[in-house]
Amino acid sequence: MARFKLDENLPAAAEALLRDAGHDVATVIQEELSGASDLDVHAAARTEGRTVVTLDRGFGDPRRHPTAGTAGVVVLRVPSQDANSILGLLRLLVPLFEEQEIDGTLWVVEPHRVRIRRG
């Protein structure tokens, strides 16, 4: 079971999808971090031991958001940011979350490719 913090740019159904897969999920919106800076969201996730899941490509910059010592970051890169595209990509990731270590890594996820970078 992974612990996720979903950014405000993900559809509400993403929470249910990951929770139904057995994961512990919190959202930026629930925690009243809407509009908070990326640095604040990343710091809150680090403190809580949660993996950030976002569409925000800025989280893919390891100089601004280093993943060493964190529960990791997952950046979803979809051609269309509609709910169906995002949820479809998350459905593909659910089995990988069980097989691969997320802690301390940056995942950049596209429909046909997952790049994982440590640290």
Protein backbone atom coordinates (compact mmCIF):
# COMPACT_ATOMS: atom_id res chain seq x y z
CA MET A 1 0.00 0.00 0.00
CA ALA A 2 1.30 3.41 -0.98
CA ARG A 3 0.39 6.75 0.56
CA PHE A 4 -0.50 9.40 -2.00
CA LYS A 5 -1.18 13.14 -1.99
CA LEU A 6 -3.18 14.10 -5.07
CA ASP A 7 -2.64 17.57 -6.44
CA GLU A 8 -5.62 19.82 -7.07
CA ASN A 9 -5.28 19.40 -10.84
CA LEU A 10 -6.45 15.77 -10.73
CA PRO A 11 -10.11 14.78 -11.04
CA ALA A 12 -11.95 13.84 -7.85
CA ALA A 13 -12.44 10.30 -9.18
CA ALA A 14 -8.66 9.73 -8.98
CA GLU A 15 -8.95 9.55 -5.20
CA ALA A 16 -11.55 6.79 -5.37
CA LEU A 17 -9.60 4.87 -8.02
CA LEU A 18 -6.45 4.73 -5.87
CA ARG A 19 -8.36 4.15 -2.63
CA ASP A 20 -10.28 1.25 -4.23
CA ALA A 21 -6.89 -0.23 -5.19
CA GLY A 22 -5.99 -0.28 -1.48
CA HIS A 23 -3.92 2.88 -1.18
CA ASP A 24 -4.06 5.61 1.46
CA VAL A 25 -5.03 8.81 -0.37
CA ALA A 26 -5.19 12.45 0.72
CA THR A 27 -5.83 15.40 -1.53
CA VAL A 28 -4.49 18.93 -1.63
CA ILE A 29 -8.09 20.15 -1.65
CA GLN A 30 -9.09 18.17 1.47
CA GLU A 31 -6.08 19.52 3.31
CA GLU A 32 -6.91 23.10 2.32
CA LEU A 33 -3.72 23.50 0.29
CA SER A 34 -5.55 24.65 -2.85
CA GLY A 35 -3.56 27.45 -4.42
CA ALA A 36 -0.49 26.63 -2.32
CA SER A 37 2.89 26.76 -4.03
CA ASP A 38 4.43 23.59 -5.40
CA LEU A 39 7.12 23.89 -2.74
CA ASP A 40 4.47 23.95 0.01
CA VAL A 41 2.63 20.95 -1.46
CA HIS A 42 5.90 19.02 -1.78
CA ALA A 43 6.88 19.91 1.80
CA ALA A 44 3.49 18.80 3.15
CA ALA A 45 3.75 15.50 1.27
CA ARG A 46 7.28 14.97 2.57
CA THR A 47 6.16 15.62 6.16
CA GLU A 48 3.26 13.18 5.78
CA GLY A 49 5.29 10.52 3.98
CA ARG A 50 3.10 10.74 0.88
CA THR A 51 3.89 10.48 -2.82
CA VAL A 52 2.78 13.55 -4.78
CA VAL A 53 0.69 12.70 -7.86
CA THR A 54 0.23 15.65 -10.21
CA LEU A 55 -0.12 16.92 -13.75
CA ASP A 56 2.21 19.82 -12.91
CA ARG A 57 5.39 19.33 -14.93
CA GLY A 58 7.26 21.61 -12.54
CA PHE A 59 7.39 18.69 -10.09
CA GLY A 60 9.47 16.87 -12.69
CA ASP A 61 12.43 19.19 -12.01
CA PRO A 62 14.60 17.37 -9.45
CA ARG A 63 16.54 20.57 -8.70
CA ARG A 64 13.37 22.26 -7.39
CA HIS A 65 11.73 19.12 -6.02
CA PRO A 66 14.39 16.58 -5.05
CA THR A 67 12.95 13.17 -4.28
CA ALA A 68 15.74 11.78 -2.09
CA GLY A 69 14.34 11.24 1.39
CA THR A 70 10.72 11.61 0.22
CA ALA A 71 7.94 9.20 -0.68
CA GLY A 72 8.46 10.24 -4.31
CA VAL A 73 6.71 12.19 -7.04
CA VAL A 74 4.56 10.94 -9.92
CA VAL A 75 4.06 13.38 -12.80
CA LEU A 76 1.33 12.37 -15.23
CA ARG A 77 1.81 13.59 -18.80
CA VAL A 78 -1.33 13.05 -20.82
CA PRO A 79 -2.04 14.47 -24.29
CA SER A 80 -5.44 15.64 -23.07
CA GLN A 81 -6.04 16.59 -19.45
CA ASP A 82 -9.65 15.42 -19.41
CA ALA A 83 -10.76 13.13 -16.58
CA ASN A 84 -11.02 10.00 -18.75
CA SER A 85 -7.44 10.34 -20.01
CA ILE A 86 -6.07 10.93 -16.53
CA LEU A 87 -8.03 8.07 -14.96
CA GLY A 88 -7.03 5.73 -17.80
CA LEU A 89 -3.37 6.48 -17.16
CA LEU A 90 -3.79 5.97 -13.40
CA ARG A 91 -5.47 2.60 -14.02
CA LEU A 92 -2.37 1.51 -15.93
CA LEU A 93 -0.17 2.60 -13.03
CA VAL A 94 -1.99 0.78 -10.23
CA PRO A 95 -0.22 -2.57 -10.84
CA LEU A 96 3.15 -0.79 -11.16
CA PHE A 97 2.66 0.83 -7.76
CA GLU A 98 2.60 -2.70 -6.32
CA GLU A 99 5.66 -3.89 -8.26
CA GLN A 100 8.00 -0.89 -8.16
CA GLU A 101 9.45 1.10 -5.28
CA ILE A 102 8.16 4.67 -5.32
CA ASP A 103 10.02 6.13 -2.31
CA GLY A 104 12.82 8.46 -3.32
CA THR A 105 11.93 8.37 -7.02
CA LEU A 106 10.53 10.64 -9.70
CA TRP A 107 8.11 8.95 -12.09
CA VAL A 108 7.28 10.72 -15.34
CA VAL A 109 4.37 8.82 -16.80
CA GLU A 110 3.12 9.03 -20.37
CA PRO A 111 0.54 6.75 -22.01
CA HIS A 112 3.18 4.45 -23.49
CA ARG A 113 6.18 5.06 -21.26
CA VAL A 114 7.14 5.32 -17.61
CA ARG A 115 10.48 6.88 -16.73
CA ILE A 116 11.70 6.36 -13.18
CA ARG A 117 14.57 8.38 -11.79
CA ARG A 118 16.04 7.82 -8.34
CA GLY A 119 17.00 10.72 -6.07
